[in-house]
PDB file of N, CA and C in Angstrom:
ATOM      1  N   MET A   1      97.071  90.572 116.283  1.00  0.00           N
ATOM      2  CA  MET A   1      95.998  91.349 116.206  1.00  0.00           C
ATOM      3  C   MET A   1      96.259  92.702 115.470  1.00  0.00           C
ATOM      4  N   VAL A   2      95.437  93.141 114.674  1.00  0.00           N
ATOM      5  CA  VAL A   2      95.542  94.454 113.906  1.00  0.00           C
ATOM      6  C   VAL A   2      94.392  95.335 114.321  1.00  0.00           C
ATOM      7  N   GLN A   3      94.771  96.542 114.657  1.00  0.00           N
ATOM      8  CA  GLN A   3      93.862  97.423 114.904  1.00  0.00           C
ATOM      9  C   GLN A   3      93.603  98.547 113.810  1.00  0.00           C
ATOM     10  N   GLY A   4      92.401  98.754 113.409  1.00  0.00           N
ATOM     11  CA  GLY A   4      92.070  99.642 112.310  1.00  0.00           C
ATOM     12  C   GLY A   4      91.636 100.945 112.955  1.00  0.00           C
ATOM     13  N   LEU A   5      90.986 101.758 112.134  1.00  0.00           N
ATOM     14  CA  LEU A   5      90.563 103.002 112.527  1.00  0.00           C
ATOM     15  C   LEU A   5      89.345 103.457 111.774  1.00  0.00           C
ATOM     16  N   PHE A   6      88.622 104.328 112.300  1.00  0.00           N
ATOM     17  CA  PHE A   6      87.472 104.876 111.648  1.00  0.00           C
ATOM     18  C   PHE A   6      87.776 106.314 111.157  1.00  0.00           C
ATOM     19  N   VAL A   7      87.312 106.704 110.063  1.00  0.00           N
ATOM     20  CA  VAL A   7      87.330 108.105 109.513  1.00  0.00           C
ATOM     21  C   VAL A   7      86.008 108.293 108.942  1.00  0.00           C
ATOM     22  N   ASP A   8      85.359 109.304 109.559  1.00  0.00           N
ATOM     23  CA  ASP A   8      83.937 109.827 109.054  1.00  0.00           C
ATOM     24  C   ASP A   8      83.050 108.444 108.879  1.00  0.00           C
ATOM     25  N   ASN A   9      83.070 107.761 109.940  1.00  0.00           N
ATOM     26  CA  ASN A   9      82.119 106.526 109.982  1.00  0.00           C
ATOM     27  C   ASN A   9      82.545 105.461 108.977  1.00  0.00           C
ATOM     28  N   VAL A  10      83.763 105.384 108.413  1.00  0.00           N
ATOM     29  CA  VAL A  10      84.240 104.320 107.570  1.00  0.00           C
ATOM     30  C   VAL A  10      85.430 103.755 108.156  1.00  0.00           C
ATOM     31  N   PRO A  11      85.335 102.291 108.274  1.00  0.00           N
ATOM     32  CA  PRO A  11      86.398 101.526 108.937  1.00  0.00           C
ATOM     33  C   PRO A  11      87.530 101.296 107.921  1.00  0.00           C
ATOM     34  N   PHE A  12      88.710 101.509 108.413  1.00  0.00           N
ATOM     35  CA  PHE A  12      89.930 101.357 107.579  1.00  0.00           C
ATOM     36  C   PHE A  12      90.992 100.424 108.266  1.00  0.00           C
ATOM     37  N   ILE A  13      91.697  99.676 107.461  1.00  0.00           N
ATOM     38  CA  ILE A  13      92.827  98.923 107.896  1.00  0.00           C
ATOM     39  C   ILE A  13      94.084  99.230 107.043  1.00  0.00           C
ATOM     40  N   LYS A  14      95.293  99.063 107.669  1.00  0.00           N
ATOM     41  CA  LYS A  14      96.473  99.182 106.793  1.00  0.00           C
ATOM     42  C   LYS A  14      97.005  97.839 106.345  1.00  0.00           C
ATOM     43  N   VAL A  15      97.220  97.727 105.018  1.00  0.00           N
ATOM     44  CA  VAL A  15      97.791  96.508 104.525  1.00  0.00           C
ATOM     45  C   VAL A  15      99.063  96.764 103.671  1.00  0.00           C
ATOM     46  N   THR A  16     100.078  95.984 104.010  1.00  0.00           N
ATOM     47  CA  THR A  16     101.319  96.109 103.214  1.00  0.00           C
ATOM     48  C   THR A  16     101.151  95.276 101.865  1.00  0.00           C
ATOM     49  N   VAL A  17     101.318  96.020 100.755  1.00  0.00           N
ATOM     50  CA  VAL A  17     101.248  95.406  99.328  1.00  0.00           C
ATOM     51  C   VAL A  17     102.527  95.561  98.760  1.00  0.00           C
ATOM     52  N   ALA A  18     102.986  94.514  98.028  1.00  0.00           N
ATOM     53  CA  ALA A  18     104.381  94.473  97.409  1.00  0.00           C
ATOM     54  C   ALA A  18     104.281  93.793  96.125  1.00  0.00           C
ATOM     55  N   LEU A  19     105.258  94.336  95.252  1.00  0.00           N
ATOM     56  CA  LEU A  19     105.545  93.504  94.135  1.00  0.00           C
ATOM     57  C   LEU A  19     106.972  93.902  93.694  1.00  0.00           C
ATOM     58  N   GLY A  20     107.815  92.956  93.693  1.00  0.00           N
ATOM     59  CA  GLY A  20     109.284  93.140  93.482  1.00  0.00           C
ATOM     60  C   GLY A  20     109.859  94.017  94.653  1.00  0.00           C
ATOM     61  N   ALA A  21     110.539  95.018  94.280  1.00  0.00           N
ATOM     62  CA  ALA A  21     111.109  95.962  95.280  1.00  0.00           C
ATOM     63  C   ALA A  21     110.125  97.060  95.748  1.00  0.00           C
ATOM     64  N   ALA A  22     108.967  97.227  95.099  1.00  0.00           N
ATOM     65  CA  ALA A  22     107.931  98.322  95.421  1.00  0.00           C
ATOM     66  C   ALA A  22     107.131  97.762  96.533  1.00  0.00           C
ATOM     67  N   VAL A  23     107.023  98.568  97.614  1.00  0.00           N
ATOM     68  CA  VAL A  23     106.145  98.210  98.788  1.00  0.00           C
ATOM     69  C   VAL A  23     105.404  99.460  99.200  1.00  0.00           C
ATOM     70  N   GLN A  24     104.181  99.271  99.527  1.00  0.00           N
ATOM     71  CA  GLN A  24     103.384 100.346 100.118  1.00  0.00           C
ATOM     72  C   GLN A  24     102.459  99.784 101.207  1.00  0.00           C
ATOM     73  N   THR A  25     102.024 100.681 102.151  1.00  0.00           N
ATOM     74  CA  THR A  25     101.198 100.213 103.152  1.00  0.00           C
ATOM     75  C   THR A  25     100.037 101.332 103.244  1.00  0.00           C
ATOM     76  N   PRO A  26      99.146 101.340 102.292  1.00  0.00           N
ATOM     77  CA  PRO A  26      97.996 102.122 102.207  1.00  0.00           C
ATOM     78  C   PRO A  26      96.933 101.836 103.190  1.00  0.00           C
ATOM     79  N   LEU A  27      96.002 102.789 103.409  1.00  0.00           N
ATOM     80  CA  LEU A  27      94.812 102.358 104.224  1.00  0.00           C
ATOM     81  C   LEU A  27      93.704 101.942 103.186  1.00  0.00           C
ATOM     82  N   PHE A  28      93.080 100.848 103.620  1.00  0.00           N
ATOM     83  CA  PHE A  28      91.953 100.232 102.737  1.00  0.00           C
ATOM     84  C   PHE A  28      90.790 100.261 103.577  1.00  0.00           C
ATOM     85  N   ILE A  29      89.639 100.521 102.933  1.00  0.00           N
ATOM     86  CA  ILE A  29      88.390 100.389 103.508  1.00  0.00           C
ATOM     87  C   ILE A  29      88.021  98.982 103.844  1.00  0.00           C
ATOM     88  N   LEU A  30      87.702  98.579 104.891  1.00  0.00           N
ATOM     89  CA  LEU A  30      87.303  97.289 105.293  1.00  0.00           C
ATOM     90  C   LEU A  30      85.848  97.112 104.752  1.00  0.00           C
ATOM     91  N   ASP A  31      85.590  96.446 103.627  1.00  0.00           N
ATOM     92  CA  ASP A  31      84.294  96.375 102.966  1.00  0.00           C
ATOM     93  C   ASP A  31      83.836  94.939 103.006  1.00  0.00           C
ATOM     94  N   THR A  32      83.041  94.640 103.824  1.00  0.00           N
ATOM     95  CA  THR A  32      82.367  93.250 104.088  1.00  0.00           C
ATOM     96  C   THR A  32      81.521  92.798 102.740  1.00  0.00           C
ATOM     97  N   GLY A  33      81.087  93.912 101.964  1.00  0.00           N
ATOM     98  CA  GLY A  33      80.295  93.610 100.761  1.00  0.00           C
ATOM     99  C   GLY A  33      81.177  93.324  99.620  1.00  0.00           C
ATOM    100  N   PHE A  34      82.405  93.576  99.794  1.00  0.00           N
ATOM    101  CA  PHE A  34      83.432  93.181  98.726  1.00  0.00           C
ATOM    102  C   PHE A  34      83.890  91.830  98.872  1.00  0.00           C
ATOM    103  N   THR A  35      83.732  90.826  97.883  1.00  0.00           N
ATOM    104  CA  THR A  35      84.098  89.438  98.292  1.00  0.00           C
ATOM    105  C   THR A  35      85.504  89.194  97.620  1.00  0.00           C
ATOM    106  N   GLY A  36      86.219  90.176  97.041  1.00  0.00           N
ATOM    107  CA  GLY A  36      87.587  89.954  96.544  1.00  0.00           C
ATOM    108  C   GLY A  36      88.615  90.080  97.616  1.00  0.00           C
ATOM    109  N   ASP A  37      89.866  90.043  97.159  1.00  0.00           N
ATOM    110  CA  ASP A  37      91.152  90.395  97.974  1.00  0.00           C
ATOM    111  C   ASP A  37      91.219  91.904  98.280  1.00  0.00           C
ATOM    112  N   LEU A  38      91.847  92.643  97.349  1.00  0.00           N
ATOM    113  CA  LEU A  38      92.237  93.965  97.488  1.00  0.00           C
ATOM    114  C   LEU A  38      91.703  94.678  96.128  1.00  0.00           C
ATOM    115  N   GLN A  39      91.380  95.920  96.343  1.00  0.00           N
ATOM    116  CA  GLN A  39      91.156  96.858  95.265  1.00  0.00           C
ATOM    117  C   GLN A  39      91.968  98.063  95.471  1.00  0.00           C
ATOM    118  N   VAL A  40      92.736  98.398  94.365  1.00  0.00           N
ATOM    119  CA  VAL A  40      93.596  99.615  94.465  1.00  0.00           C
ATOM    120  C   VAL A  40      93.345 100.664  93.440  1.00  0.00           C
ATOM    121  N   THR A  41      93.749 101.874  93.578  1.00  0.00           N
ATOM    122  CA  THR A  41      93.557 102.877  92.573  1.00  0.00           C
ATOM    123  C   THR A  41      94.554 102.635  91.422  1.00  0.00           C
ATOM    124  N   PRO A  42      94.421 103.221  90.280  1.00  0.00           N
ATOM    125  CA  PRO A  42      95.361 103.137  89.281  1.00  0.00           C
ATOM    126  C   PRO A  42      96.627 103.673  89.611  1.00  0.00           C
ATOM    127  N   LYS A  43      96.653 104.786  90.441  1.00  0.00           N
ATOM    128  CA  LYS A  43      97.909 105.453  90.853  1.00  0.00           C
ATOM    129  C   LYS A  43      98.650 104.519  91.732  1.00  0.00           C
ATOM    130  N   ILE A  44      98.062 103.738  92.595  1.00  0.00           N
ATOM    131  CA  ILE A  44      98.699 102.826  93.520  1.00  0.00           C
ATOM    132  C   ILE A  44      99.381 101.696  92.655  1.00  0.00           C
ATOM    133  N   ALA A  45      98.530 101.159  91.734  1.00  0.00           N
ATOM    134  CA  ALA A  45      98.947 100.068  90.849  1.00  0.00           C
ATOM    135  C   ALA A  45     100.216 100.498  89.988  1.00  0.00           C
ATOM    136  N   VAL A  46     100.238 101.744  89.574  1.00  0.00           N
ATOM    137  CA  VAL A  46     101.490 102.092  88.796  1.00  0.00           C
ATOM    138  C   VAL A  46     102.695 102.283  89.743  1.00  0.00           C
ATOM    139  N   GLU A  47     102.481 102.828  90.993  1.00  0.00           N
ATOM    140  CA  GLU A  47     103.524 102.908  91.879  1.00  0.00           C
ATOM    141  C   GLU A  47     104.088 101.632  92.369  1.00  0.00           C
ATOM    142  N   LEU A  48     103.216 100.599  92.397  1.00  0.00           N
ATOM    143  CA  LEU A  48     103.725  99.252  92.872  1.00  0.00           C
ATOM    144  C   LEU A  48     104.311  98.408  91.580  1.00  0.00           C
ATOM    145  N   GLY A  49     103.980  99.022  90.345  1.00  0.00           N
ATOM    146  CA  GLY A  49     104.370  98.276  89.152  1.00  0.00           C
ATOM    147  C   GLY A  49     103.550  97.118  88.860  1.00  0.00           C
ATOM    148  N   LEU A  50     102.390  97.188  89.259  1.00  0.00           N
ATOM    149  CA  LEU A  50     101.419  95.961  88.937  1.00  0.00           C
ATOM    150  C   LEU A  50     101.098  95.982  87.506  1.00  0.00           C
ATOM    151  N   LYS A  51     101.126  94.751  86.882  1.00  0.00           N
ATOM    152  CA  LYS A  51     100.948  94.519  85.515  1.00  0.00           C
ATOM    153  C   LYS A  51      99.576  93.712  85.430  1.00  0.00           C
ATOM    154  N   PRO A  52      98.639  94.343  84.782  1.00  0.00           N
ATOM    155  CA  PRO A  52      97.336  93.725  84.605  1.00  0.00           C
ATOM    156  C   PRO A  52      97.443  92.395  83.782  1.00  0.00           C
ATOM    157  N   ILE A  53      96.776  91.396  84.383  1.00  0.00           N
ATOM    158  CA  ILE A  53      96.787  90.121  83.766  1.00  0.00           C
ATOM    159  C   ILE A  53      95.455  89.701  83.241  1.00  0.00           C
ATOM    160  N   GLY A  54      94.499  90.487  83.316  1.00  0.00           N
ATOM    161  CA  GLY A  54      93.093  90.140  82.737  1.00  0.00           C
ATOM    162  C   GLY A  54      92.116  91.107  83.293  1.00  0.00           C
ATOM    163  N   VAL A  55      90.938  90.937  82.873  1.00  0.00           N
ATOM    164  CA  VAL A  55      89.741  91.837  83.201  1.00  0.00           C
ATOM    165  C   VAL A  55      88.635  90.813  83.707  1.00  0.00           C
ATOM    166  N   THR A  56      87.988  91.423  84.820  1.00  0.00           N
ATOM    167  CA  THR A  56      86.849  90.632  85.343  1.00  0.00           C
ATOM    168  C   THR A  56      85.647  91.492  85.496  1.00  0.00           C
ATOM    169  N   ALA A  57      84.429  90.859  85.391  1.00  0.00           N
ATOM    170  CA  ALA A  57      83.262  91.519  85.547  1.00  0.00           C
ATOM    171  C   ALA A  57      82.987  91.700  87.083  1.00  0.00           C
ATOM    172  N   LEU A  58      82.637  92.831  87.538  1.00  0.00           N
ATOM    173  CA  LEU A  58      82.356  93.172  88.935  1.00  0.00           C
ATOM    174  C   LEU A  58      80.998  93.855  89.037  1.00  0.00           C
ATOM    175  N   ARG A  59      80.199  93.343  89.963  1.00  0.00           N
ATOM    176  CA  ARG A  59      78.925  93.981  90.223  1.00  0.00           C
ATOM    177  C   ARG A  59      79.181  94.927  91.425  1.00  0.00           C
ATOM    178  N   ILE A  60      78.915  96.238  91.170  1.00  0.00           N
ATOM    179  CA  ILE A  60      79.063  97.318  92.243  1.00  0.00           C
ATOM    180  C   ILE A  60      77.789  97.419  92.979  1.00  0.00           C
ATOM    181  N   ALA A  61      77.932  98.307  94.054  1.00  0.00           N
ATOM    182  CA  ALA A  61      76.764  98.421  95.070  1.00  0.00           C
ATOM    183  C   ALA A  61      75.454  98.817  94.439  1.00  0.00           C
ATOM    184  N   ASN A  62      75.589  99.626  93.388  1.00  0.00           N
ATOM    185  CA  ASN A  62      74.254 100.091  92.756  1.00  0.00           C
ATOM    186  C   ASN A  62      73.668  98.989  91.802  1.00  0.00           C
ATOM    187  N   GLY A  63      74.272  97.809  91.764  1.00  0.00           N
ATOM    188  CA  GLY A  63      73.873  96.717  90.874  1.00  0.00           C
ATOM    189  C   GLY A  63      74.364  96.658  89.416  1.00  0.00           C
ATOM    190  N   GLN A  64      75.148  97.721  89.139  1.00  0.00           N
ATOM    191  CA  GLN A  64      75.790  97.891  87.739  1.00  0.00           C
ATOM    192  C   GLN A  64      76.892  96.882  87.609  1.00  0.00           C
ATOM    193  N   THR A  65      77.118  96.218  86.564  1.00  0.00           N
ATOM    194  CA  THR A  65      78.328  95.400  86.345  1.00  0.00           C
ATOM    195  C   THR A  65      79.355  96.226  85.552  1.00  0.00           C
ATOM    196  N   VAL A  66      80.514  96.207  85.984  1.00  0.00           N
ATOM    197  CA  VAL A  66      81.590  96.943  85.307  1.00  0.00           C
ATOM    198  C   VAL A  66      82.685  95.997  85.085  1.00  0.00           C
ATOM    199  N   GLN A  67      83.584  96.316  84.091  1.00  0.00           N
ATOM    200  CA  GLN A  67      84.822  95.609  83.863  1.00  0.00           C
ATOM    201  C   GLN A  67      86.093  96.176  84.590  1.00  0.00           C
ATOM    202  N   VAL A  68      86.821  95.325  85.264  1.00  0.00           N
ATOM    203  CA  VAL A  68      87.901  95.973  86.047  1.00  0.00           C
ATOM    204  C   VAL A  68      89.100  95.098  85.842  1.00  0.00           C
ATOM    205  N   GLN A  69      90.275  95.705  85.594  1.00  0.00           N
ATOM    206  CA  GLN A  69      91.563  95.064  85.483  1.00  0.00           C
ATOM    207  C   GLN A  69      91.987  94.269  86.704  1.00  0.00           C
ATOM    208  N   THR A  70      92.506  93.174  86.469  1.00  0.00           N
ATOM    209  CA  THR A  70      93.178  92.309  87.605  1.00  0.00           C
ATOM    210  C   THR A  70      94.644  92.282  87.528  1.00  0.00           C
ATOM    211  N   ALA A  71      95.301  92.094  88.729  1.00  0.00           N
ATOM    212  CA  ALA A  71      96.711  91.960  88.774  1.00  0.00           C
ATOM    213  C   ALA A  71      96.990  91.082  89.926  1.00  0.00           C
ATOM    214  N   LEU A  72      98.242  90.595  90.001  1.00  0.00           N
ATOM    215  CA  LEU A  72      98.683  89.767  91.051  1.00  0.00           C
ATOM    216  C   LEU A  72      99.771  90.588  91.912  1.00  0.00           C
ATOM    217  N   ALA A  73      99.763  90.380  93.229  1.00  0.00           N
ATOM    218  CA  ALA A  73     100.809  91.001  94.152  1.00  0.00           C
ATOM    219  C   ALA A  73     100.969  90.089  95.408  1.00  0.00           C
ATOM    220  N   PHE A  74     101.719  90.631  96.266  1.00  0.00           N
ATOM    221  CA  PHE A  74     101.836  90.044  97.728  1.00  0.00           C
ATOM    222  C   PHE A  74     101.284  90.985  98.628  1.00  0.00           C
ATOM    223  N   ALA A  75     100.651  90.376  99.684  1.00  0.00           N
ATOM    224  CA  ALA A  75     100.221  91.270 100.834  1.00  0.00           C
ATOM    225  C   ALA A  75     100.834  90.714 102.097  1.00  0.00           C
ATOM    226  N   ALA A  76     101.105  91.528 102.990  1.00  0.00           N
ATOM    227  CA  ALA A  76     101.652  91.061 104.349  1.00  0.00           C
ATOM    228  C   ALA A  76     100.819  91.658 105.453  1.00  0.00           C
ATOM    229  N   MET A  77     100.609  90.818 106.438  1.00  0.00           N
ATOM    230  CA  MET A  77      99.933  91.312 107.717  1.00  0.00           C
ATOM    231  C   MET A  77     100.529  90.457 108.895  1.00  0.00           C
ATOM    232  N   GLU A  78     101.033  91.159 109.813  1.00  0.00           N
ATOM    233  CA  GLU A  78     101.635  90.474 110.977  1.00  0.00           C
ATOM    234  C   GLU A  78     102.541  89.434 110.685  1.00  0.00           C
ATOM    235  N   GLY A  79     103.466  89.654 109.658  1.00  0.00           N
ATOM    236  CA  GLY A  79     104.556  88.719 109.345  1.00  0.00           C
ATOM    237  C   GLY A  79     104.107  87.635 108.385  1.00  0.00           C
ATOM    238  N   ALA A  80     102.858  87.479 108.120  1.00  0.00           N
ATOM    239  CA  ALA A  80     102.384  86.520 107.177  1.00  0.00           C
ATOM    240  C   ALA A  80     102.278  87.148 105.778  1.00  0.00           C
ATOM    241  N   VAL A  81     102.603  86.360 104.734  1.00  0.00           N
ATOM    242  CA  VAL A  81     102.633  86.847 103.331  1.00  0.00           C
ATOM    243  C   VAL A  81     101.826  85.933 102.514  1.00  0.00           C
ATOM    244  N   ASN A  82     100.844  86.569 101.738  1.00  0.00           N
ATOM    245  CA  ASN A  82     100.054  85.723 100.781  1.00  0.00           C
ATOM    246  C   ASN A  82     100.025  86.390  99.437  1.00  0.00           C
ATOM    247  N   TYR A  83      99.913  85.517  98.452  1.00  0.00           N
ATOM    248  CA  TYR A  83      99.640  85.962  97.092  1.00  0.00           C
ATOM    249  C   TYR A  83      98.334  86.369  96.913  1.00  0.00           C
ATOM    250  N   ILE A  84      98.013  87.516  96.300  1.00  0.00           N
ATOM    251  CA  ILE A  84      96.641  88.043  96.351  1.00  0.00           C
ATOM    252  C   ILE A  84      96.326  88.503  94.856  1.00  0.00           C
ATOM    253  N   GLN A  85      95.018  88.596  94.618  1.00  0.00           N
ATOM    254  CA  GLN A  85      94.434  89.149  93.393  1.00  0.00           C
ATOM    255  C   GLN A  85      94.175  90.645  93.719  1.00  0.00           C
ATOM    256  N   VAL A  86      94.520  91.475  92.928  1.00  0.00           N
ATOM    257  CA  VAL A  86      94.167  92.937  93.090  1.00  0.00           C
ATOM    258  C   VAL A  86      93.345  93.403  91.930  1.00  0.00           C
ATOM    259  N   LEU A  87      92.326  94.137  92.360  1.00  0.00           N
ATOM    260  CA  LEU A  87      91.476  94.710  91.298  1.00  0.00           C
ATOM    261  C   LEU A  87      92.015  96.119  91.118  1.00  0.00           C
ATOM    262  N   ILE A  88      92.055  96.687  89.891  1.00  0.00           N
ATOM    263  CA  ILE A  88      92.564  97.995  89.761  1.00  0.00           C
ATOM    264  C   ILE A  88      91.336  98.909  89.281  1.00  0.00           C
ATOM    265  N   SER A  89      90.933  99.926  90.012  1.00  0.00           N
ATOM    266  CA  SER A  89      89.746 100.625  89.879  1.00  0.00           C
ATOM    267  C   SER A  89      89.877 102.066  90.429  1.00  0.00           C
ATOM    268  N   ASP A  90      89.044 102.972  89.714  1.00  0.00           N
ATOM    269  CA  ASP A  90      89.101 104.363  90.124  1.00  0.00           C
ATOM    270  C   ASP A  90      88.471 104.431  91.549  1.00  0.00           C
ATOM    271  N   GLY A  91      87.845 103.534  92.004  1.00  0.00           N
ATOM    272  CA  GLY A  91      87.125 103.540  93.425  1.00  0.00           C
ATOM    273  C   GLY A  91      88.143 103.542  94.510  1.00  0.00           C
ATOM    274  N   SER A  92      87.695 103.666  95.771  1.00  0.00           N
ATOM    275  CA  SER A  92      88.514 103.650  96.839  1.00  0.00           C
ATOM    276  C   SER A  92      89.200 102.343  96.965  1.00  0.00           C
ATOM    277  N   PRO A  93      90.435 102.365  97.632  1.00  0.00           N
ATOM    278  CA  PRO A  93      91.074 101.142  98.010  1.00  0.00           C
ATOM    279  C   PRO A  93      90.225 100.329  99.014  1.00  0.00           C
ATOM    280  N   LEU A  94      90.036  99.049  98.734  1.00  0.00           N
ATOM    281  CA  LEU A  94      89.126  98.097  99.459  1.00  0.00           C
ATOM    282  C   LEU A  94      89.961  96.963  99.942  1.00  0.00           C
ATOM    283  N   ALA A  95      89.544  96.352 101.024  1.00  0.00           N
ATOM    284  CA  ALA A  95      89.950  95.066 101.502  1.00  0.00           C
ATOM    285  C   ALA A  95      88.767  94.267 101.753  1.00  0.00           C
ATOM    286  N   GLY A  96      88.674  93.137 101.082  1.00  0.00           N
ATOM    287  CA  GLY A  96      87.419  92.378 101.068  1.00  0.00           C
ATOM    288  C   GLY A  96      87.485  91.087 101.849  1.00  0.00           C
ATOM    289  N   ILE A  97      86.273  90.388 101.806  1.00  0.00           N
ATOM    290  CA  ILE A  97      86.162  89.165 102.612  1.00  0.00           C
ATOM    291  C   ILE A  97      87.225  88.059 102.289  1.00  0.00           C
ATOM    292  N   ASN A  98      87.510  87.894 100.952  1.00  0.00           N
ATOM    293  CA  ASN A  98      88.517  86.902 100.555  1.00  0.00           C
ATOM    294  C   ASN A  98      89.830  87.152 101.135  1.00  0.00           C
ATOM    295  N   PHE A  99      90.227  88.462 101.217  1.00  0.00           N
ATOM    296  CA  PHE A  99      91.468  88.903 101.868  1.00  0.00           C
ATOM    297  C   PHE A  99      91.550  88.472 103.364  1.00  0.00           C
ATOM    298  N   LEU A 100      90.596  88.700 104.005  1.00  0.00           N
ATOM    299  CA  LEU A 100      90.354  88.351 105.461  1.00  0.00           C
ATOM    300  C   LEU A 100      90.474  86.803 105.634  1.00  0.00           C
ATOM    301  N   THR A 101      89.910  86.138 104.721  1.00  0.00           N
ATOM    302  CA  THR A 101      89.945  84.673 104.784  1.00  0.00           C
ATOM    303  C   THR A 101      91.304  84.143 104.487  1.00  0.00           C
ATOM    304  N   LYS A 102      92.079  84.666 103.536  1.00  0.00           N
ATOM    305  CA  LYS A 102      93.333  84.136 103.164  1.00  0.00           C
ATOM    306  C   LYS A 102      94.315  84.355 104.430  1.00  0.00           C
ATOM    307  N   PHE A 103      94.129  85.346 105.153  1.00  0.00           N
ATOM    308  CA  PHE A 103      94.995  85.774 106.385  1.00  0.00           C
ATOM    309  C   PHE A 103      94.447  85.211 107.599  1.00  0.00           C
ATOM    310  N   SER A 104      93.263  84.446 107.503  1.00  0.00           N
ATOM    311  CA  SER A 104      92.517  83.827 108.700  1.00  0.00           C
ATOM    312  C   SER A 104      92.184  84.859 109.812  1.00  0.00           C
ATOM    313  N   TYR A 105      91.603  85.983 109.313  1.00  0.00           N
ATOM    314  CA  TYR A 105      91.142  86.914 110.328  1.00  0.00           C
ATOM    315  C   TYR A 105      89.617  86.981 110.544  1.00  0.00           C
ATOM    316  N   LYS A 106      89.398  87.279 111.826  1.00  0.00           N
ATOM    317  CA  LYS A 106      88.086  87.602 112.185  1.00  0.00           C
ATOM    318  C   LYS A 106      87.996  89.031 112.403  1.00  0.00           C
ATOM    319  N   ALA A 107      87.097  89.776 111.723  1.00  0.00           N
ATOM    320  CA  ALA A 107      86.950  91.146 111.816  1.00  0.00           C
ATOM    321  C   ALA A 107      85.779  91.587 112.824  1.00  0.00           C
ATOM    322  N   THR A 108      86.083  92.512 113.745  1.00  0.00           N
ATOM    323  CA  THR A 108      85.120  93.081 114.688  1.00  0.00           C
ATOM    324  C   THR A 108      85.085  94.518 114.445  1.00  0.00           C
ATOM    325  N   VAL A 109      83.972  94.904 113.939  1.00  0.00           N
ATOM    326  CA  VAL A 109      83.692  96.400 113.761  1.00  0.00           C
ATOM    327  C   VAL A 109      82.731  96.908 114.699  1.00  0.00           C
ATOM    328  N   ASN A 110      83.098  97.777 115.592  1.00  0.00           N
ATOM    329  CA  ASN A 110      82.227  98.340 116.582  1.00  0.00           C
ATOM    330  C   ASN A 110      81.897  99.736 116.111  1.00  0.00           C
ATOM    331  N   CYS A 111      80.720  99.928 115.629  1.00  0.00           N
ATOM    332  CA  CYS A 111      80.380 101.345 115.039  1.00  0.00           C
ATOM    333  C   CYS A 111      80.086 102.223 116.252  1.00  0.00           C
ATOM    334  N   LYS A 112      79.563 101.712 117.378  1.00  0.00           N
ATOM    335  CA  LYS A 112      79.207 102.581 118.452  1.00  0.00           C
ATOM    336  C   LYS A 112      80.503 103.275 119.034  1.00  0.00           C
ATOM    337  N   TYR A 113      81.594 102.478 119.175  1.00  0.00           N
ATOM    338  CA  TYR A 113      82.859 103.036 119.644  1.00  0.00           C
ATOM    339  C   TYR A 113      83.807 103.320 118.569  1.00  0.00           C
ATOM    340  N   LYS A 114      83.474 103.038 117.405  1.00  0.00           N
ATOM    341  CA  LYS A 114      84.384 103.287 116.262  1.00  0.00           C
ATOM    342  C   LYS A 114      85.702 102.613 116.345  1.00  0.00           C
ATOM    343  N   THR A 115      85.704 101.349 116.508  1.00  0.00           N
ATOM    344  CA  THR A 115      86.799 100.568 116.597  1.00  0.00           C
ATOM    345  C   THR A 115      86.840  99.476 115.616  1.00  0.00           C
ATOM    346  N   VAL A 116      87.933  99.065 114.987  1.00  0.00           N
ATOM    347  CA  VAL A 116      88.138  97.876 114.154  1.00  0.00           C
ATOM    348  C   VAL A 116      89.262  97.035 114.663  1.00  0.00           C
ATOM    349  N   LEU A 117      88.943  95.793 114.708  1.00  0.00           N
ATOM    350  CA  LEU A 117      89.932  94.819 115.214  1.00  0.00           C
ATOM    351  C   LEU A 117      89.938  93.467 114.265  1.00  0.00           C
ATOM    352  N   LEU A 118      91.105  93.179 113.920  1.00  0.00           N
ATOM    353  CA  LEU A 118      91.254  91.908 113.236  1.00  0.00           C
ATOM    354  C   LEU A 118      92.097  91.001 114.006  1.00  0.00           C
ATOM    355  N   GLU A 119      91.481  89.843 114.342  1.00  0.00           N
ATOM    356  CA  GLU A 119      92.139  88.889 115.108  1.00  0.00           C
ATOM    357  C   GLU A 119      92.247  87.558 114.346  1.00  0.00           C
ATOM    358  N   LYS A 120      93.454  86.967 114.530  1.00  0.00           N
ATOM    359  CA  LYS A 120      93.706  85.685 113.822  1.00  0.00           C
ATOM    360  C   LYS A 120      92.858  84.568 114.409  1.00  0.00           C
ATOM    361  N   VAL A 121      92.318  83.784 113.583  1.00  0.00           N
ATOM    362  CA  VAL A 121      91.450  82.699 114.014  1.00  0.00           C
ATOM    363  C   VAL A 121      92.210  81.347 113.513  1.00  0.00           C
ATOM    364  N   PHE A 122      92.446  80.562 114.509  1.00  0.00           N
ATOM    365  CA  PHE A 122      93.227  79.184 114.272  1.00  0.00           C
ATOM    366  C   PHE A 122      92.374  78.037 114.294  1.00  0.00           C
TER     367      PHE A 122
END
């Protein structure tokens, strides 16, 4: 079970992201409207040594389509490690639905009590 936190009405979770010897555990916004794995800032991408492997079209919340670089990395949660696709964008770090699916998590976000809980679903 992973507990997240709220900051100014925004739910966050910590995710360990790695490539080679570079490892970071930043806070990611838990974004159920984002269908991908993870999105990181260019600064985090450089610090992890992520190498863009392509570009993908991404529709953002305002309906606009933007081109975003993609890279591959590893993510770890509760001892499980998965290969993930990372979008590199100037936006906030995001954890999306595909990320939760890869790790078999059910997300419970309680806005009234400002709690975030990820539970493994078997």
